[in-house]
Amino acid sequence: MEKHEVVIVGAGPAGLKAAELLGKAKKDVLIIEKEKEEKIGDKPCAGGLFPHAMKYFPDELYEKVISSITFHVGDKEFEVSSSNPVMALISRLDIGQYQLRMAKEGGAQIMAATPVKGLDREKNEVILDNEERVGYEKLIAADGSTSIIRRVLGYNTKQMAQCIEYPVKGDFEKLEIHFDLKKYGLTYAWIFPHKGYASIGTGNLPSIVSAQEMGERFNRWAEERGIDLSKGKRRAHPIYVGYHGFKHGNIFLTGDAASFACSLDGEGIYQAVKSGEITAKAIIDPKWNYRSELQDLLKYHRSLGWLLPWMVAFPGLFRKLVENLGGMFMPTLSNILSSRSVQRFVFGTMGK
């Protein structure tokens, strides 16, 4: 049986960032990933990076850099513009392949196309699908929203958000966010314009609307706007929204496995990379106090999540507020969001 100083389960943004930094620090690192190497990064994702996340990736990976976002609420529309970039659009596959190269260059090893089926905590061993075992001193769980490692730790929660996404070919110019609570309830849709295609999708909680109903509403919304979803392949993905801690003895939960993705808008790339960075620094220097950076990450993670319980508890009230007050205050809201000081806070300083 082979054994390593650090074993990372999952080659997502968190696991690969941790692997890169640990490898550069001369740690013996093995990444175990269920997908083939060429498929690492290929998962449902709108592919939007706010400025605080853009620093982790080279400019040449950006397909587009956006300086405005168009919001639709019912039949009302307003645009938030900035003299600075508010988002970069990037392929999720390109992110994965870039991070994989950086992790390898840092010295990490990769065991691809190898699913993990369980964990023996007493022996500090990861159990592979073929019943073989890999020993570890430190274990990083970066295996996503349906994390096996998290379940072994006893956190088999049903707190899941749901999203569906279609990469639709075509020339799309605007980054758009759509709300129509009267027609479609407490859900939203997005259009993220990439190079030669757009990520078009929607998300919600099963406690608000079933996956079937969400899909039907989304199809009606797309049809009304002349969007042909048959041009893209439907992809679905759960987002785990129940945070249960970061460090559990010699096991670290990162990225979606730890529920660092935002429960309201689904943003998760930045939180994943940052949590991988924090984990690597904590392993490299056991005396380093990671709690300050972790608390900053949790504050960012929860910056919009506070609204979710109110939306679930009082959907009718929330709908009326958005419908009746949204149109009335849209010009003012647009001016506020377009101010440089607010944008520095929303798009820049949060998450640094």
Protein backbone atom coordinates (compact mmCIF):
# COMPACT_ATOMS: atom_id res chain seq x y z
CA MET A 1 0.00 0.00 0.00
CA GLU A 2 1.30 3.44 -0.90
CA LYS A 3 1.25 6.28 1.62
CA HIS A 4 1.65 10.03 1.23
CA GLU A 5 2.15 13.02 3.45
CA VAL A 6 -0.96 14.69 2.01
CA VAL A 7 -3.74 13.01 0.03
CA ILE A 8 -6.29 15.20 -1.75
CA VAL A 9 -9.57 13.64 -2.83
CA GLY A 10 -10.93 15.61 -5.78
CA ALA A 11 -9.26 17.73 -8.45
CA GLY A 12 -11.48 20.79 -8.26
CA PRO A 13 -10.33 24.41 -7.73
CA ALA A 14 -9.79 23.84 -3.99
CA GLY A 15 -7.88 20.58 -4.26
CA LEU A 16 -5.69 21.70 -7.16
CA LYS A 17 -4.79 25.02 -5.49
CA ALA A 18 -3.84 23.20 -2.31
CA ALA A 19 -1.82 20.66 -4.32
CA GLU A 20 0.08 23.42 -6.16
CA LEU A 21 1.09 25.22 -2.95
CA LEU A 22 1.90 22.05 -1.01
CA GLY A 23 3.98 20.72 -3.89
CA LYS A 24 5.96 23.95 -4.06
CA ALA A 25 6.59 23.56 -0.32
CA LYS A 26 8.14 20.13 -1.05
CA LYS A 27 5.33 18.17 0.53
CA ASP A 28 4.59 14.65 -0.74
CA VAL A 29 1.17 15.21 -2.32
CA LEU A 30 -1.17 12.84 -4.16
CA ILE A 31 -4.42 13.95 -5.81
CA ILE A 32 -7.03 11.21 -6.31
CA GLU A 33 -9.61 12.15 -8.95
CA LYS A 34 -12.49 10.10 -10.35
CA GLU A 35 -12.35 11.71 -13.82
CA LYS A 36 -9.74 11.25 -16.52
CA GLU A 37 -7.12 14.00 -16.62
CA GLU A 38 -8.48 15.53 -19.81
CA LYS A 39 -11.93 15.87 -18.18
CA ILE A 40 -10.76 17.66 -15.04
CA GLY A 41 -12.71 20.90 -14.82
CA ASP A 42 -15.53 19.83 -17.14
CA LYS A 43 -18.58 20.41 -14.95
CA PRO A 44 -21.68 22.67 -14.94
CA CYS A 45 -20.61 26.21 -14.15
CA ALA A 46 -21.61 29.67 -15.35
CA GLY A 47 -17.90 30.56 -15.40
CA GLY A 48 -17.98 34.05 -13.89
CA LEU A 49 -15.11 35.47 -11.82
CA PHE A 50 -15.46 38.63 -9.76
CA PRO A 51 -12.28 40.78 -9.54
CA HIS A 52 -11.15 39.24 -6.26
CA ALA A 53 -11.11 35.82 -7.98
CA MET A 54 -9.48 37.04 -11.20
CA LYS A 55 -6.10 37.37 -9.51
CA TYR A 56 -5.83 33.57 -9.30
CA PHE A 57 -5.92 33.03 -13.07
CA PRO A 58 -3.90 34.47 -15.99
CA ASP A 59 -5.56 36.96 -18.33
CA GLU A 60 -5.11 34.68 -21.34
CA LEU A 61 -7.74 32.31 -19.88
CA TYR A 62 -10.44 34.99 -19.93
CA GLU A 63 -12.91 34.62 -22.77
CA LYS A 64 -14.51 37.99 -22.05
CA VAL A 65 -14.17 40.74 -19.47
CA ILE A 66 -17.47 42.40 -18.57
CA SER A 67 -17.96 45.91 -17.16
CA SER A 68 -21.76 45.89 -16.85
CA ILE A 69 -24.57 43.61 -15.66
CA THR A 70 -28.17 43.91 -16.87
CA PHE A 71 -30.89 43.05 -14.35
CA HIS A 72 -34.45 42.17 -15.34
CA VAL A 73 -37.24 42.16 -12.74
CA GLY A 74 -40.55 41.29 -14.40
CA ASP A 75 -40.89 43.71 -17.30
CA LYS A 76 -38.43 46.20 -15.78
CA GLU A 77 -34.77 46.39 -16.72
CA PHE A 78 -31.72 48.27 -15.47
CA GLU A 79 -28.00 48.10 -16.06
CA VAL A 80 -25.15 48.38 -13.57
CA SER A 81 -22.06 49.72 -15.32
CA SER A 82 -18.52 50.36 -14.18
CA SER A 83 -15.34 51.89 -15.54
CA ASN A 84 -13.58 48.80 -14.19
CA PRO A 85 -14.19 45.11 -14.90
CA VAL A 86 -16.95 43.59 -12.77
CA MET A 87 -16.52 40.04 -14.04
CA ALA A 88 -14.34 37.86 -16.24
CA LEU A 89 -15.92 34.97 -18.15
CA ILE A 90 -13.84 31.82 -18.22
CA SER A 91 -14.32 28.20 -19.24
CA ARG A 92 -14.61 25.85 -16.26
CA LEU A 93 -12.65 23.24 -18.23
CA ASP A 94 -9.87 25.76 -18.88
CA ILE A 95 -9.72 26.51 -15.15
CA GLY A 96 -9.34 22.82 -14.32
CA GLN A 97 -6.69 22.14 -16.94
CA TYR A 98 -4.69 25.24 -15.99
CA GLN A 99 -4.77 24.37 -12.29
CA LEU A 100 -3.82 20.76 -13.07
CA ARG A 101 -0.71 21.97 -14.94
CA MET A 102 0.24 24.25 -12.05
CA ALA A 103 -0.22 21.45 -9.51
CA LYS A 104 1.99 19.10 -11.54
CA GLU A 105 4.62 21.77 -12.02
CA GLY A 106 4.55 22.31 -8.26
CA GLY A 107 5.40 18.65 -7.73
CA ALA A 108 2.03 17.07 -6.93
CA GLN A 109 1.19 13.60 -8.23
CA ILE A 110 -2.17 12.76 -9.81
CA MET A 111 -4.07 9.47 -9.70
CA ALA A 112 -6.84 10.11 -12.24
CA ALA A 113 -9.81 7.95 -13.28
CA THR A 114 -9.85 6.54 -9.74
CA PRO A 115 -13.10 6.86 -7.77
CA VAL A 116 -12.96 6.86 -3.97
CA LYS A 117 -15.58 4.76 -2.15
CA GLY A 118 -14.79 5.33 1.50
CA LEU A 119 -12.44 6.19 4.33
CA ASP A 120 -10.85 4.33 7.24
CA ARG A 121 -10.26 7.08 9.80
CA GLU A 122 -8.64 4.80 12.36
CA LYS A 123 -5.94 3.70 9.93
CA ASN A 124 -5.76 7.03 8.04
CA GLU A 125 -6.50 5.31 4.74
CA VAL A 126 -8.58 6.28 1.72
CA ILE A 127 -10.46 3.31 0.24
CA LEU A 128 -10.58 3.23 -3.55
CA ASP A 129 -13.34 1.78 -5.69
CA ASN A 130 -11.15 -1.25 -6.50
CA GLU A 131 -10.73 -1.90 -2.74
CA GLU A 132 -7.09 -0.76 -2.74
CA ARG A 133 -6.06 1.70 -0.05
CA VAL A 134 -3.89 4.82 0.08
CA GLY A 135 -2.50 6.02 3.40
CA TYR A 136 -2.20 9.65 4.44
CA GLU A 137 -0.96 11.90 7.22
CA LYS A 138 -3.23 14.76 6.21
CA LEU A 139 -6.36 14.43 4.08
CA ILE A 140 -8.01 17.19 2.07
CA ALA A 141 -11.60 16.64 0.98
CA ALA A 142 -12.10 18.53 -2.28
CA ASP A 143 -14.64 16.12 -3.76
CA GLY A 144 -17.49 18.55 -4.28
CA SER A 145 -21.06 18.97 -3.10
CA THR A 146 -21.71 15.23 -2.87
CA SER A 147 -18.47 14.65 -0.95
CA ILE A 148 -17.88 11.08 0.21
CA ILE A 149 -15.39 12.29 2.81
CA ARG A 150 -17.93 14.68 4.32
CA ARG A 151 -20.48 11.88 4.55
CA VAL A 152 -17.97 9.63 6.33
CA LEU A 153 -17.49 12.44 8.85
CA GLY A 154 -21.22 12.18 9.57
CA TYR A 155 -22.53 15.19 7.65
CA ASN A 156 -24.95 13.51 5.28
CA THR A 157 -27.17 16.58 5.05
CA LYS A 158 -30.00 17.15 2.61
CA GLN A 159 -29.31 20.89 2.49
CA MET A 160 -28.77 21.14 -1.25
CA ALA A 161 -29.45 23.89 -3.75
CA GLN A 162 -30.03 22.81 -7.33
CA CYS A 163 -29.04 24.34 -10.63
CA ILE A 164 -29.38 23.49 -14.30
CA GLU A 165 -27.27 24.97 -17.08
CA TYR A 166 -27.13 24.87 -20.86
CA PRO A 167 -24.04 25.96 -22.82
CA VAL A 168 -25.86 27.46 -25.85
CA LYS A 169 -23.91 28.34 -28.99
CA GLY A 170 -24.36 31.83 -30.40
CA ASP A 171 -23.25 35.44 -30.07
CA PHE A 172 -24.41 36.85 -26.75
CA GLU A 173 -23.35 40.34 -25.72
CA LYS A 174 -24.82 41.10 -22.30
CA LEU A 175 -24.40 39.47 -18.93
CA GLU A 176 -27.99 39.22 -17.71
CA ILE A 177 -29.76 38.25 -14.49
CA HIS A 178 -33.52 37.66 -14.72
CA PHE A 179 -36.18 37.66 -11.98
CA ASP A 180 -39.91 37.29 -12.59
CA LEU A 181 -41.40 36.26 -9.29
CA LYS A 182 -45.00 36.66 -10.44
CA LYS A 183 -44.59 34.18 -13.29
CA TYR A 184 -41.84 31.89 -12.05
CA GLY A 185 -41.73 32.28 -8.27
CA LEU A 186 -38.61 32.48 -6.13
CA THR A 187 -36.06 31.60 -8.76
CA TYR A 188 -33.81 33.41 -11.18
CA ALA A 189 -32.11 32.83 -14.51
CA TRP A 190 -28.75 33.91 -15.86
CA ILE A 191 -27.11 34.50 -19.22
CA PHE A 192 -23.31 34.58 -19.05
CA PRO A 193 -21.85 35.47 -22.48
CA HIS A 194 -18.73 33.48 -23.28
CA LYS A 195 -16.78 33.33 -26.52
CA GLY A 196 -19.09 31.77 -29.12
CA TYR A 197 -21.63 30.56 -26.57
CA ALA A 198 -23.44 31.51 -23.38
CA SER A 199 -23.98 29.69 -20.12
CA ILE A 200 -27.74 29.94 -19.61
CA GLY A 201 -29.20 28.49 -16.47
CA THR A 202 -31.25 28.75 -13.32
CA GLY A 203 -31.05 27.72 -9.67
CA ASN A 204 -33.18 27.26 -6.58
CA LEU A 205 -33.72 25.22 -3.42
CA PRO A 206 -35.83 22.03 -3.46
CA SER A 207 -37.66 23.41 -0.40
CA ILE A 208 -38.89 26.30 -2.58
CA VAL A 209 -39.59 24.50 -5.84
CA SER A 210 -39.06 20.94 -7.08
CA ALA A 211 -36.43 20.21 -9.68
CA GLN A 212 -39.15 19.28 -12.17
CA GLU A 213 -41.08 22.50 -11.64
CA MET A 214 -37.90 24.57 -11.79
CA GLY A 215 -37.03 22.97 -15.13
CA GLU A 216 -40.52 23.62 -16.51
CA ARG A 217 -40.42 27.26 -15.43
CA PHE A 218 -36.97 27.68 -16.94
CA ASN A 219 -38.09 26.18 -20.25
CA ARG A 220 -41.05 28.61 -20.38
CA TRP A 221 -38.77 31.53 -19.60
CA ALA A 222 -36.31 30.54 -22.35
CA GLU A 223 -39.10 30.01 -24.88
CA GLU A 224 -40.57 33.45 -24.17
CA ARG A 225 -37.19 35.01 -24.90
CA GLY A 226 -36.54 33.07 -28.06
CA ILE A 227 -33.69 31.05 -26.56
CA ASP A 228 -33.35 27.63 -28.16
CA LEU A 229 -32.13 25.36 -25.38
CA SER A 230 -31.92 22.44 -27.80
CA LYS A 231 -28.67 24.03 -29.04
CA GLY A 232 -27.06 23.15 -25.72
CA LYS A 233 -26.75 20.06 -23.56
CA ARG A 234 -28.63 20.15 -20.27
CA ARG A 235 -26.39 19.79 -17.25
CA ALA A 236 -27.51 19.67 -13.63
CA HIS A 237 -25.48 20.12 -10.47
CA PRO A 238 -26.27 20.26 -6.73
CA ILE A 239 -24.74 22.87 -4.43
CA TYR A 240 -24.28 21.85 -0.81
CA VAL A 241 -25.32 24.66 1.53
CA GLY A 242 -24.80 23.24 5.03
CA TYR A 243 -21.45 24.36 6.52
CA HIS A 244 -20.11 21.95 9.17
CA GLY A 245 -16.59 23.16 9.80
CA PHE A 246 -13.23 23.27 8.08
CA LYS A 247 -10.77 21.17 10.11
CA HIS A 248 -11.66 17.80 11.61
CA GLY A 249 -8.50 16.44 13.18
CA ASN A 250 -6.18 15.69 10.27
CA ILE A 251 -8.96 16.08 7.70
CA PHE A 252 -9.75 19.39 5.96
CA LEU A 253 -13.01 20.14 4.14
CA THR A 254 -12.61 22.59 1.26
CA GLY A 255 -14.60 24.16 -1.55
CA ASP A 256 -18.05 22.73 -2.21
CA ALA A 257 -17.31 19.78 0.10
CA ALA A 258 -17.27 22.29 2.97
CA SER A 259 -20.16 24.34 1.56
CA PHE A 260 -18.19 27.49 0.82
CA ALA A 261 -20.30 28.25 -2.28
CA CYS A 262 -22.82 31.05 -1.84
CA SER A 263 -26.24 29.57 -1.11
CA LEU A 264 -28.07 32.42 -2.89
CA ASP A 265 -26.21 32.99 -6.16
CA GLY A 266 -24.09 29.83 -6.37
CA GLU A 267 -20.72 31.59 -6.66
CA GLY A 268 -18.06 29.10 -5.61
CA ILE A 269 -14.83 29.28 -7.64
CA TYR A 270 -13.27 32.00 -5.50
CA GLN A 271 -14.29 30.35 -2.24
CA ALA A 272 -12.92 27.01 -3.43
CA VAL A 273 -9.55 28.41 -4.47
CA LYS A 274 -9.26 30.49 -1.31
CA SER A 275 -10.15 27.56 0.96
CA GLY A 276 -7.54 25.42 -0.82
CA GLU A 277 -4.99 28.17 -0.24
CA ILE A 278 -5.88 28.41 3.47
CA THR A 279 -5.65 24.63 3.84
CA ALA A 280 -2.22 24.45 2.21
CA LYS A 281 -0.87 27.25 4.41
CA ALA A 282 -2.26 25.54 7.53
CA ILE A 283 -0.52 22.27 6.62
CA ILE A 284 2.77 23.89 5.61
CA ASP A 285 2.95 25.85 8.87
CA PRO A 286 1.04 24.14 11.70
CA LYS A 287 1.66 27.17 13.93
CA TRP A 288 -0.02 29.56 11.50
CA ASN A 289 -3.35 30.89 12.76
CA TYR A 290 -5.68 30.14 9.86
CA ARG A 291 -8.81 31.22 11.72
CA SER A 292 -8.63 34.89 10.72
CA GLU A 293 -8.54 34.15 6.99
CA LEU A 294 -11.14 31.43 7.43
CA GLN A 295 -13.50 33.84 9.19
CA ASP A 296 -13.06 36.38 6.38
CA LEU A 297 -13.94 33.65 3.88
CA LEU A 298 -17.01 32.64 5.87
CA LYS A 299 -18.16 36.27 6.07
CA TYR A 300 -17.91 36.50 2.30
CA HIS A 301 -19.59 33.13 1.88
CA ARG A 302 -22.51 34.30 4.00
CA SER A 303 -22.71 37.86 2.63
CA LEU A 304 -25.90 37.08 0.67
CA GLY A 305 -26.91 33.86 2.38
CA TRP A 306 -28.66 35.71 5.23
CA LEU A 307 -31.44 36.59 2.78
CA LEU A 308 -32.27 33.00 1.93
CA PRO A 309 -34.16 31.99 5.13
CA TRP A 310 -36.38 35.06 4.75
CA MET A 311 -37.13 34.19 1.12
CA VAL A 312 -38.06 30.64 2.14
CA ALA A 313 -40.15 31.70 5.16
CA PHE A 314 -41.99 34.60 3.47
CA PRO A 315 -42.02 33.99 -0.30
CA GLY A 316 -45.22 35.98 -0.87
CA LEU A 317 -43.94 39.03 1.00
CA PHE A 318 -40.58 38.87 -0.78
CA ARG A 319 -42.30 38.63 -4.16
CA LYS A 320 -44.49 41.66 -3.47
CA LEU A 321 -41.52 43.72 -2.28
CA VAL A 322 -39.53 42.96 -5.41
CA GLU A 323 -42.48 43.45 -7.77
CA ASN A 324 -43.89 46.61 -6.20
CA LEU A 325 -40.80 48.32 -4.88
CA GLY A 326 -38.31 47.04 -7.43
CA GLY A 327 -39.71 49.09 -10.30
CA MET A 328 -40.14 52.17 -8.13
CA PHE A 329 -36.55 52.20 -6.91
CA MET A 330 -34.76 50.75 -9.93
CA PRO A 331 -33.31 54.07 -11.20
CA THR A 332 -32.01 54.88 -7.72
CA LEU A 333 -30.71 51.34 -7.21
CA SER A 334 -28.94 51.45 -10.58
CA ASN A 335 -27.22 54.73 -9.67
CA ILE A 336 -26.18 53.37 -6.27
CA LEU A 337 -24.75 50.16 -7.71
CA SER A 338 -22.97 52.11 -10.44
CA SER A 339 -21.09 54.28 -7.94
CA ARG A 340 -17.39 53.50 -7.71
CA SER A 341 -17.38 53.24 -3.90
CA VAL A 342 -20.15 50.62 -3.88
CA GLN A 343 -18.54 48.68 -6.71
CA ARG A 344 -15.21 48.60 -4.91
CA PHE A 345 -17.05 46.98 -2.00
CA VAL A 346 -19.28 44.60 -3.97
CA PHE A 347 -16.88 43.60 -6.74
CA GLY A 348 -13.50 44.30 -5.21
CA THR A 349 -12.84 44.38 -1.47
CA MET A 350 -15.24 41.60 -0.48
CA GLY A 351 -13.34 38.35 -0.44
CA LYS A 352 -9.83 39.79 -0.49
